[in-house]
Amino acid sequence: MLTLLFGLLTGCAVYFAMIKFTEMGQAPSIAAAVIAMFAFQLLVMLLLRKISARINAKLQAIMQETSAKLQSMQAQFMRRPTNQKAMMQLLEREQNAGLRRLIEALDLYKPLYLWNMLMKKQVNTMRMIFLFQLKKFDEADALMNKCVFFDAQSVCVKMARMYKRNEPAEAIDKFFRRKGAKFKGEDAVLPRSLYAWILVKQERIDDAVKVLADGKTKTGGNEVIVRNWDLLVNKKVKHFSNSGLGEAWYALMLEEPKIQKIRQQPVRYR
């Protein structure tokens, strides 16, 4: 917003300066004003990009640090098997601490909102996803209308919440057609798998088959998409599963993974 305003002011200043202090005509003065306006906007854009890159680097550092801690804890648990429920609680606690740090770090973007009209919505989208991962669903839902849904993850979080809030099937259908159906390749796997899962839950098996059939082409024959399509075509609805997507699927919190028990290695005495 400020970028446009100051750009216009810069252009006007250059125009009147050219008219008053030079003998150039109106046309060259207007051309100089337009060039000055766009030059100012370009400069601001480059500065914003540089500042955003620094903030993004901080976010990435927090993510990497949290990931490293979680991997270290998992390796420690594998070496010394303990109560699995306690292990999961400790891992979740560490992950949540990282998410809270990320949410706090998002405030670094606030000074840039006045210079980029879209940035606030982009940051709201990140905040919404972090709140969702913290299971603060009410706070995440409150941000939904202030977000932009350009990527597969945010689209899937939105669809998952629409399903959990028991929103009308027509609303979910419309949102998928507008936001989820456009993805191709790997980006299309999770949105189509999620939408097909919702359709199966709604007992709309024929619609799910169509979504997956199109998904086979859009994803280049993804194994999970193909397998679920084959199951539905052969009337094996009960065997439909997105578990093959791993953490990407379970992160939507619609199903919980089956926990495998860690076997204690026997101690051998010599």
C-alpha atoms as a PDB file:
ATOM      1  CA  MET A   1       0.000   0.000   0.000  1.00  0.00           C
ATOM      2  CA  LEU A   2       2.721   2.468   1.004  1.00  0.00           C
ATOM      3  CA  THR A   3       4.763   1.305  -1.965  1.00  0.00           C
ATOM      4  CA  LEU A   4       2.091   2.496  -4.390  1.00  0.00           C
ATOM      5  CA  LEU A   5       1.469   5.731  -2.484  1.00  0.00           C
ATOM      6  CA  PHE A   6       5.125   6.753  -2.268  1.00  0.00           C
ATOM      7  CA  GLY A   7       5.668   5.618  -5.839  1.00  0.00           C
ATOM      8  CA  LEU A   8       2.952   8.010  -6.996  1.00  0.00           C
ATOM      9  CA  LEU A   9       4.389  10.803  -4.860  1.00  0.00           C
ATOM     10  CA  THR A  10       7.829  10.188  -6.340  1.00  0.00           C
ATOM     11  CA  GLY A  11       6.418  10.304  -9.858  1.00  0.00           C
ATOM     12  CA  CYS A  12       4.541  13.536  -9.138  1.00  0.00           C
ATOM     13  CA  ALA A  13       7.628  15.123  -7.595  1.00  0.00           C
ATOM     14  CA  VAL A  14       9.734  14.265 -10.628  1.00  0.00           C
ATOM     15  CA  TYR A  15       7.063  15.550 -13.002  1.00  0.00           C
ATOM     16  CA  PHE A  16       6.709  18.956 -11.332  1.00  0.00           C
ATOM     17  CA  ALA A  17      10.500  19.265 -10.940  1.00  0.00           C
ATOM     18  CA  MET A  18      10.941  18.623 -14.660  1.00  0.00           C
ATOM     19  CA  ILE A  19       8.266  21.177 -15.557  1.00  0.00           C
ATOM     20  CA  LYS A  20       9.574  23.876 -13.232  1.00  0.00           C
ATOM     21  CA  PHE A  21      13.343  23.514 -13.469  1.00  0.00           C
ATOM     22  CA  THR A  22      13.882  22.267 -17.020  1.00  0.00           C
ATOM     23  CA  GLU A  23      12.792  23.323 -20.464  1.00  0.00           C
ATOM     24  CA  MET A  24      11.643  19.846 -21.403  1.00  0.00           C
ATOM     25  CA  GLY A  25       8.074  19.497 -22.604  1.00  0.00           C
ATOM     26  CA  GLN A  26       5.155  17.759 -20.923  1.00  0.00           C
ATOM     27  CA  ALA A  27       5.595  14.411 -22.678  1.00  0.00           C
ATOM     28  CA  PRO A  28       9.238  13.901 -21.560  1.00  0.00           C
ATOM     29  CA  SER A  29       8.281  15.044 -18.049  1.00  0.00           C
ATOM     30  CA  ILE A  30       5.485  12.479 -17.871  1.00  0.00           C
ATOM     31  CA  ALA A  31       7.829   9.768 -19.153  1.00  0.00           C
ATOM     32  CA  ALA A  32      10.428  10.682 -16.512  1.00  0.00           C
ATOM     33  CA  ALA A  33       7.739  10.628 -13.805  1.00  0.00           C
ATOM     34  CA  VAL A  34       6.543   7.164 -14.831  1.00  0.00           C
ATOM     35  CA  ILE A  35      10.105   5.833 -14.901  1.00  0.00           C
ATOM     36  CA  ALA A  36      10.781   7.320 -11.450  1.00  0.00           C
ATOM     37  CA  MET A  37       7.578   5.774 -10.070  1.00  0.00           C
ATOM     38  CA  PHE A  38       8.432   2.301 -11.321  1.00  0.00           C
ATOM     39  CA  ALA A  39      12.068   2.661 -10.253  1.00  0.00           C
ATOM     40  CA  PHE A  40      10.929   3.472  -6.701  1.00  0.00           C
ATOM     41  CA  GLN A  41       8.582   0.475  -6.626  1.00  0.00           C
ATOM     42  CA  LEU A  42      11.323  -1.785  -7.961  1.00  0.00           C
ATOM     43  CA  LEU A  43      13.730  -0.574  -5.290  1.00  0.00           C
ATOM     44  CA  VAL A  44      11.182  -1.191  -2.537  1.00  0.00           C
ATOM     45  CA  MET A  45      10.409  -4.634  -3.945  1.00  0.00           C
ATOM     46  CA  LEU A  46      14.090  -5.588  -3.905  1.00  0.00           C
ATOM     47  CA  LEU A  47      14.486  -4.344  -0.336  1.00  0.00           C
ATOM     48  CA  LEU A  48      11.389  -6.230   0.804  1.00  0.00           C
ATOM     49  CA  ARG A  49      12.671  -9.380  -0.858  1.00  0.00           C
ATOM     50  CA  LYS A  50      16.001  -9.029   0.928  1.00  0.00           C
ATOM     51  CA  ILE A  51      14.367  -8.484   4.322  1.00  0.00           C
ATOM     52  CA  SER A  52      11.931 -11.363   3.723  1.00  0.00           C
ATOM     53  CA  ALA A  53      14.839 -13.648   2.833  1.00  0.00           C
ATOM     54  CA  ARG A  54      16.484 -12.871   6.175  1.00  0.00           C
ATOM     55  CA  ILE A  55      13.282 -13.639   8.071  1.00  0.00           C
ATOM     56  CA  ASN A  56      12.757 -16.829   6.070  1.00  0.00           C
ATOM     57  CA  ALA A  57      16.295 -17.877   6.980  1.00  0.00           C
ATOM     58  CA  LYS A  58      15.434 -17.460  10.668  1.00  0.00           C
ATOM     59  CA  LEU A  59      12.305 -19.576  10.234  1.00  0.00           C
ATOM     60  CA  GLN A  60      14.290 -22.254   8.422  1.00  0.00           C
ATOM     61  CA  ALA A  61      16.885 -22.243  11.196  1.00  0.00           C
ATOM     62  CA  ILE A  62      14.172 -22.841  13.810  1.00  0.00           C
ATOM     63  CA  MET A  63      12.708 -25.683  11.725  1.00  0.00           C
ATOM     64  CA  GLN A  64      16.089 -27.314  11.229  1.00  0.00           C
ATOM     65  CA  GLU A  65      16.975 -26.992  14.904  1.00  0.00           C
ATOM     66  CA  THR A  66      13.655 -28.530  15.951  1.00  0.00           C
ATOM     67  CA  SER A  67      14.023 -31.328  13.395  1.00  0.00           C
ATOM     68  CA  ALA A  68      17.538 -32.096  14.601  1.00  0.00           C
ATOM     69  CA  LYS A  69      16.348 -32.300  18.222  1.00  0.00           C
ATOM     70  CA  LEU A  70      13.480 -34.614  17.290  1.00  0.00           C
ATOM     71  CA  GLN A  71      15.780 -36.903  15.303  1.00  0.00           C
ATOM     72  CA  SER A  72      18.263 -36.996  18.189  1.00  0.00           C
ATOM     73  CA  MET A  73      15.504 -37.856  20.659  1.00  0.00           C
ATOM     74  CA  GLN A  74      14.143 -40.585  18.376  1.00  0.00           C
ATOM     75  CA  ALA A  75      17.602 -42.094  17.985  1.00  0.00           C
ATOM     76  CA  GLN A  76      18.049 -42.051  21.745  1.00  0.00           C
ATOM     77  CA  PHE A  77      14.705 -43.765  22.269  1.00  0.00           C
ATOM     78  CA  MET A  78      15.630 -46.420  19.723  1.00  0.00           C
ATOM     79  CA  ARG A  79      18.893 -47.140  21.542  1.00  0.00           C
ATOM     80  CA  ARG A  80      17.166 -47.241  24.901  1.00  0.00           C
ATOM     81  CA  PRO A  81      13.538 -48.303  24.354  1.00  0.00           C
ATOM     82  CA  THR A  82      11.178 -46.818  26.917  1.00  0.00           C
ATOM     83  CA  ASN A  83       7.459 -46.334  27.415  1.00  0.00           C
ATOM     84  CA  GLN A  84       6.135 -45.527  23.951  1.00  0.00           C
ATOM     85  CA  LYS A  85       3.381 -43.222  25.153  1.00  0.00           C
ATOM     86  CA  ALA A  86       5.869 -41.196  27.185  1.00  0.00           C
ATOM     87  CA  MET A  87       8.187 -41.072  24.184  1.00  0.00           C
ATOM     88  CA  MET A  88       5.441 -39.679  21.937  1.00  0.00           C
ATOM     89  CA  GLN A  89       4.534 -37.080  24.555  1.00  0.00           C
ATOM     90  CA  LEU A  90       8.143 -35.873  24.795  1.00  0.00           C
ATOM     91  CA  LEU A  91       8.450 -35.669  21.011  1.00  0.00           C
ATOM     92  CA  GLU A  92       5.177 -33.772  20.741  1.00  0.00           C
ATOM     93  CA  ARG A  93       6.268 -31.378  23.488  1.00  0.00           C
ATOM     94  CA  GLU A  94       9.514 -30.613  21.663  1.00  0.00           C
ATOM     95  CA  GLN A  95       7.719 -30.181  18.349  1.00  0.00           C
ATOM     96  CA  ASN A  96       5.168 -27.828  19.907  1.00  0.00           C
ATOM     97  CA  ALA A  97       7.942 -25.735  21.422  1.00  0.00           C
ATOM     98  CA  GLY A  98       9.400 -25.318  17.936  1.00  0.00           C
ATOM     99  CA  LEU A  99       5.994 -24.345  16.521  1.00  0.00           C
ATOM    100  CA  ARG A 100       5.515 -21.692  19.189  1.00  0.00           C
ATOM    101  CA  ARG A 101       8.940 -20.247  18.336  1.00  0.00           C
ATOM    102  CA  LEU A 102       7.912 -20.126  14.668  1.00  0.00           C
ATOM    103  CA  ILE A 103       4.678 -18.297  15.486  1.00  0.00           C
ATOM    104  CA  GLU A 104       6.608 -15.722  17.510  1.00  0.00           C
ATOM    105  CA  ALA A 105       9.118 -15.286  14.683  1.00  0.00           C
ATOM    106  CA  LEU A 106       6.294 -14.454  12.249  1.00  0.00           C
ATOM    107  CA  ASP A 107       5.899 -11.105  14.017  1.00  0.00           C
ATOM    108  CA  LEU A 108       9.129 -10.053  12.286  1.00  0.00           C
ATOM    109  CA  TYR A 109       7.067  -9.627   9.117  1.00  0.00           C
ATOM    110  CA  LYS A 110       4.678  -7.050  10.617  1.00  0.00           C
ATOM    111  CA  PRO A 111       6.669  -3.919   9.640  1.00  0.00           C
ATOM    112  CA  LEU A 112       6.452  -5.079   6.012  1.00  0.00           C
ATOM    113  CA  TYR A 113       2.654  -5.294   5.856  1.00  0.00           C
ATOM    114  CA  LEU A 114       2.207  -1.641   4.893  1.00  0.00           C
ATOM    115  CA  TRP A 115       4.585  -2.061   1.982  1.00  0.00           C
ATOM    116  CA  ASN A 116       3.116  -5.261   0.537  1.00  0.00           C
ATOM    117  CA  MET A 117      -0.660  -5.753   0.512  1.00  0.00           C
ATOM    118  CA  LEU A 118      -0.424  -9.520   0.014  1.00  0.00           C
ATOM    119  CA  MET A 119       2.226 -10.231   2.654  1.00  0.00           C
ATOM    120  CA  LYS A 120      -0.141 -10.106   5.636  1.00  0.00           C
ATOM    121  CA  LYS A 121      -2.318 -12.820   4.092  1.00  0.00           C
ATOM    122  CA  GLN A 122       0.740 -14.917   3.293  1.00  0.00           C
ATOM    123  CA  VAL A 123       1.952 -14.652   6.893  1.00  0.00           C
ATOM    124  CA  ASN A 124      -1.564 -15.401   8.163  1.00  0.00           C
ATOM    125  CA  THR A 125      -1.468 -18.591   6.114  1.00  0.00           C
ATOM    126  CA  MET A 126       1.757 -19.695   7.775  1.00  0.00           C
ATOM    127  CA  ARG A 127       0.399 -18.766  11.199  1.00  0.00           C
ATOM    128  CA  MET A 128      -2.801 -20.696  10.520  1.00  0.00           C
ATOM    129  CA  ILE A 129      -0.860 -23.837   9.599  1.00  0.00           C
ATOM    130  CA  PHE A 130       1.336 -23.594  12.706  1.00  0.00           C
ATOM    131  CA  LEU A 131      -1.740 -23.114  14.928  1.00  0.00           C
ATOM    132  CA  PHE A 132      -3.365 -26.114  13.261  1.00  0.00           C
ATOM    133  CA  GLN A 133      -0.278 -28.210  13.981  1.00  0.00           C
ATOM    134  CA  LEU A 134      -0.461 -27.060  17.610  1.00  0.00           C
ATOM    135  CA  LYS A 135      -4.079 -28.312  17.604  1.00  0.00           C
ATOM    136  CA  LYS A 136      -5.362 -24.817  18.339  1.00  0.00           C
ATOM    137  CA  PHE A 137      -8.156 -25.392  15.880  1.00  0.00           C
ATOM    138  CA  ASP A 138     -10.401 -22.491  16.916  1.00  0.00           C
ATOM    139  CA  GLU A 139      -7.575 -19.981  16.410  1.00  0.00           C
ATOM    140  CA  ALA A 140      -6.636 -21.577  13.097  1.00  0.00           C
ATOM    141  CA  ASP A 141     -10.245 -21.508  11.910  1.00  0.00           C
ATOM    142  CA  ALA A 142     -10.533 -17.818  12.806  1.00  0.00           C
ATOM    143  CA  LEU A 143      -7.676 -17.034  10.413  1.00  0.00           C
ATOM    144  CA  MET A 144      -9.017 -19.027   7.461  1.00  0.00           C
ATOM    145  CA  ASN A 145     -10.788 -16.083   5.834  1.00  0.00           C
ATOM    146  CA  LYS A 146      -7.615 -13.983   6.102  1.00  0.00           C
ATOM    147  CA  CYS A 147      -5.372 -16.475   4.292  1.00  0.00           C
ATOM    148  CA  VAL A 148      -4.345 -17.225   0.732  1.00  0.00           C
ATOM    149  CA  PHE A 149      -4.436 -20.802  -0.503  1.00  0.00           C
ATOM    150  CA  PHE A 150      -1.757 -21.126  -3.139  1.00  0.00           C
ATOM    151  CA  ASP A 151       0.034 -24.293  -1.966  1.00  0.00           C
ATOM    152  CA  ALA A 152      -1.129 -27.876  -1.445  1.00  0.00           C
ATOM    153  CA  GLN A 153      -0.519 -27.923   2.312  1.00  0.00           C
ATOM    154  CA  SER A 154      -2.695 -24.921   3.119  1.00  0.00           C
ATOM    155  CA  VAL A 155      -5.422 -26.172   0.769  1.00  0.00           C
ATOM    156  CA  CYS A 156      -5.456 -29.551   2.503  1.00  0.00           C
ATOM    157  CA  VAL A 157      -5.551 -28.021   5.987  1.00  0.00           C
ATOM    158  CA  LYS A 158      -8.539 -25.926   4.915  1.00  0.00           C
ATOM    159  CA  MET A 159     -10.336 -28.969   3.463  1.00  0.00           C
ATOM    160  CA  ALA A 160      -9.593 -31.044   6.568  1.00  0.00           C
ATOM    161  CA  ARG A 161     -11.081 -28.363   8.807  1.00  0.00           C
ATOM    162  CA  MET A 162     -14.121 -27.998   6.546  1.00  0.00           C
ATOM    163  CA  TYR A 163     -14.725 -31.720   6.913  1.00  0.00           C
ATOM    164  CA  LYS A 164     -14.200 -31.711  10.685  1.00  0.00           C
ATOM    165  CA  ARG A 165     -16.562 -28.735  11.046  1.00  0.00           C
ATOM    166  CA  ASN A 166     -19.213 -30.719   9.139  1.00  0.00           C
ATOM    167  CA  GLU A 167     -19.507 -28.084   6.442  1.00  0.00           C
ATOM    168  CA  PRO A 168     -21.857 -28.945   3.540  1.00  0.00           C
ATOM    169  CA  ALA A 169     -20.481 -31.315   0.914  1.00  0.00           C
ATOM    170  CA  GLU A 170     -21.208 -28.689  -1.735  1.00  0.00           C
ATOM    171  CA  ALA A 171     -18.871 -26.226   0.001  1.00  0.00           C
ATOM    172  CA  ILE A 172     -16.020 -28.750   0.100  1.00  0.00           C
ATOM    173  CA  ASP A 173     -16.647 -29.661  -3.545  1.00  0.00           C
ATOM    174  CA  LYS A 174     -16.522 -26.019  -4.591  1.00  0.00           C
ATOM    175  CA  PHE A 175     -13.342 -25.342  -2.641  1.00  0.00           C
ATOM    176  CA  PHE A 176     -11.598 -28.362  -4.147  1.00  0.00           C
ATOM    177  CA  ARG A 177     -12.590 -27.357  -7.688  1.00  0.00           C
ATOM    178  CA  ARG A 178     -11.314 -23.801  -7.103  1.00  0.00           C
ATOM    179  CA  LYS A 179      -8.116 -24.544  -5.191  1.00  0.00           C
ATOM    180  CA  GLY A 180      -7.265 -28.249  -5.057  1.00  0.00           C
ATOM    181  CA  ALA A 181      -7.922 -29.498  -8.581  1.00  0.00           C
ATOM    182  CA  LYS A 182      -5.264 -27.280 -10.170  1.00  0.00           C
ATOM    183  CA  PHE A 183      -2.235 -29.051  -8.699  1.00  0.00           C
ATOM    184  CA  LYS A 184      -0.109 -31.435 -10.756  1.00  0.00           C
ATOM    185  CA  GLY A 185       2.667 -33.895 -10.032  1.00  0.00           C
ATOM    186  CA  GLU A 186       3.619 -34.508  -6.404  1.00  0.00           C
ATOM    187  CA  ASP A 187       1.646 -31.433  -5.330  1.00  0.00           C
ATOM    188  CA  ALA A 188      -1.570 -33.106  -6.501  1.00  0.00           C
ATOM    189  CA  VAL A 189      -1.159 -36.289  -4.465  1.00  0.00           C
ATOM    190  CA  LEU A 190      -2.283 -35.089  -1.026  1.00  0.00           C
ATOM    191  CA  PRO A 191      -5.198 -32.839  -2.150  1.00  0.00           C
ATOM    192  CA  ARG A 192      -6.700 -35.571  -4.348  1.00  0.00           C
ATOM    193  CA  SER A 193      -6.110 -38.301  -1.779  1.00  0.00           C
ATOM    194  CA  LEU A 194      -7.760 -36.168   0.902  1.00  0.00           C
ATOM    195  CA  TYR A 195     -10.715 -35.243  -1.283  1.00  0.00           C
ATOM    196  CA  ALA A 196     -11.227 -38.876  -2.293  1.00  0.00           C
ATOM    197  CA  TRP A 197     -11.098 -39.875   1.401  1.00  0.00           C
ATOM    198  CA  ILE A 198     -13.773 -37.278   2.206  1.00  0.00           C
ATOM    199  CA  LEU A 199     -15.941 -38.513  -0.675  1.00  0.00           C
ATOM    200  CA  VAL A 200     -15.620 -42.092   0.595  1.00  0.00           C
ATOM    201  CA  LYS A 201     -16.670 -40.953   4.074  1.00  0.00           C
ATOM    202  CA  GLN A 202     -19.661 -39.267   2.440  1.00  0.00           C
ATOM    203  CA  GLU A 203     -20.424 -42.576   0.665  1.00  0.00           C
ATOM    204  CA  ARG A 204     -19.942 -40.930  -2.755  1.00  0.00           C
ATOM    205  CA  ILE A 205     -17.838 -43.738  -4.151  1.00  0.00           C
ATOM    206  CA  ASP A 206     -18.434 -42.977  -7.841  1.00  0.00           C
ATOM    207  CA  ASP A 207     -17.261 -39.385  -7.329  1.00  0.00           C
ATOM    208  CA  ALA A 208     -14.165 -40.636  -5.481  1.00  0.00           C
ATOM    209  CA  VAL A 209     -13.357 -42.975  -8.384  1.00  0.00           C
ATOM    210  CA  LYS A 210     -13.532 -40.045 -10.825  1.00  0.00           C
ATOM    211  CA  VAL A 211     -11.246 -37.906  -8.651  1.00  0.00           C
ATOM    212  CA  LEU A 212      -8.691 -40.689  -8.358  1.00  0.00           C
ATOM    213  CA  ALA A 213      -8.925 -41.573 -12.060  1.00  0.00           C
ATOM    214  CA  ASP A 214      -8.062 -37.985 -12.928  1.00  0.00           C
ATOM    215  CA  GLY A 215      -5.445 -38.074 -10.192  1.00  0.00           C
ATOM    216  CA  LYS A 216      -3.647 -40.980 -11.832  1.00  0.00           C
ATOM    217  CA  THR A 217      -2.950 -38.705 -14.782  1.00  0.00           C
ATOM    218  CA  LYS A 218      -2.273 -35.546 -12.789  1.00  0.00           C
ATOM    219  CA  THR A 219       0.193 -37.286 -10.442  1.00  0.00           C
ATOM    220  CA  GLY A 220       1.920 -39.425 -13.044  1.00  0.00           C
ATOM    221  CA  GLY A 221       0.589 -42.659 -11.567  1.00  0.00           C
ATOM    222  CA  ASN A 222       1.244 -42.138  -7.864  1.00  0.00           C
ATOM    223  CA  GLU A 223       1.220 -45.502  -6.086  1.00  0.00           C
ATOM    224  CA  VAL A 224      -1.289 -44.529  -3.366  1.00  0.00           C
ATOM    225  CA  ILE A 225      -3.643 -42.890  -5.872  1.00  0.00           C
ATOM    226  CA  VAL A 226      -3.534 -45.914  -8.200  1.00  0.00           C
ATOM    227  CA  ARG A 227      -3.988 -48.406  -5.365  1.00  0.00           C
ATOM    228  CA  ASN A 228      -7.019 -46.597  -3.900  1.00  0.00           C
ATOM    229  CA  TRP A 229      -8.575 -46.203  -7.356  1.00  0.00           C
ATOM    230  CA  ASP A 230      -8.163 -49.938  -7.945  1.00  0.00           C
ATOM    231  CA  LEU A 231      -9.710 -50.753  -4.560  1.00  0.00           C
ATOM    232  CA  LEU A 232     -12.766 -48.590  -5.158  1.00  0.00           C
ATOM    233  CA  VAL A 233     -13.272 -49.859  -8.705  1.00  0.00           C
ATOM    234  CA  ASN A 234     -13.227 -53.411  -7.360  1.00  0.00           C
ATOM    235  CA  LYS A 235     -15.709 -52.577  -4.573  1.00  0.00           C
ATOM    236  CA  LYS A 236     -13.117 -52.955  -1.786  1.00  0.00           C
ATOM    237  CA  VAL A 237     -14.082 -49.717  -0.091  1.00  0.00           C
ATOM    238  CA  LYS A 238     -13.107 -50.912   3.384  1.00  0.00           C
ATOM    239  CA  HIS A 239      -9.497 -51.282   2.245  1.00  0.00           C
ATOM    240  CA  PHE A 240      -9.238 -47.673   1.052  1.00  0.00           C
ATOM    241  CA  SER A 241      -6.339 -46.044   2.876  1.00  0.00           C
ATOM    242  CA  ASN A 242      -4.057 -43.035   2.638  1.00  0.00           C
ATOM    243  CA  SER A 243      -1.588 -44.438   5.137  1.00  0.00           C
ATOM    244  CA  GLY A 244       0.920 -44.864   2.317  1.00  0.00           C
ATOM    245  CA  LEU A 245       1.332 -41.079   2.278  1.00  0.00           C
ATOM    246  CA  GLY A 246       2.933 -41.286   5.706  1.00  0.00           C
ATOM    247  CA  GLU A 247       3.393 -38.186   7.855  1.00  0.00           C
ATOM    248  CA  ALA A 248       1.913 -35.896   5.184  1.00  0.00           C
ATOM    249  CA  TRP A 249      -1.431 -37.667   5.654  1.00  0.00           C
ATOM    250  CA  TYR A 250      -1.390 -38.035   9.417  1.00  0.00           C
ATOM    251  CA  ALA A 251      -0.400 -34.364   9.809  1.00  0.00           C
ATOM    252  CA  LEU A 252      -3.967 -33.505   8.717  1.00  0.00           C
ATOM    253  CA  MET A 253      -5.152 -35.154  11.973  1.00  0.00           C
ATOM    254  CA  LEU A 254      -8.035 -37.022  10.400  1.00  0.00           C
ATOM    255  CA  GLU A 255      -6.605 -40.408  11.326  1.00  0.00           C
ATOM    256  CA  GLU A 256      -3.969 -41.595  13.763  1.00  0.00           C
ATOM    257  CA  PRO A 257      -1.122 -43.897  12.722  1.00  0.00           C
ATOM    258  CA  LYS A 258      -0.948 -47.372  14.114  1.00  0.00           C
ATOM    259  CA  ILE A 259       1.859 -47.351  16.656  1.00  0.00           C
ATOM    260  CA  GLN A 260       4.221 -50.255  16.381  1.00  0.00           C
ATOM    261  CA  LYS A 261       5.585 -51.510  19.631  1.00  0.00           C
ATOM    262  CA  ILE A 262       9.318 -51.182  20.109  1.00  0.00           C
ATOM    263  CA  ARG A 263      10.733 -54.497  21.168  1.00  0.00           C
ATOM    264  CA  GLN A 264      13.273 -54.497  23.936  1.00  0.00           C
ATOM    265  CA  GLN A 265      16.447 -56.217  22.807  1.00  0.00           C
ATOM    266  CA  PRO A 266      17.296 -59.137  25.127  1.00  0.00           C
ATOM    267  CA  VAL A 267      20.358 -58.679  27.297  1.00  0.00           C
ATOM    268  CA  ARG A 268      22.869 -61.443  26.876  1.00  0.00           C
ATOM    269  CA  TYR A 269      25.178 -62.291  29.716  1.00  0.00           C
ATOM    270  CA  ARG A 270      28.519 -63.929  29.200  1.00  0.00           C
END
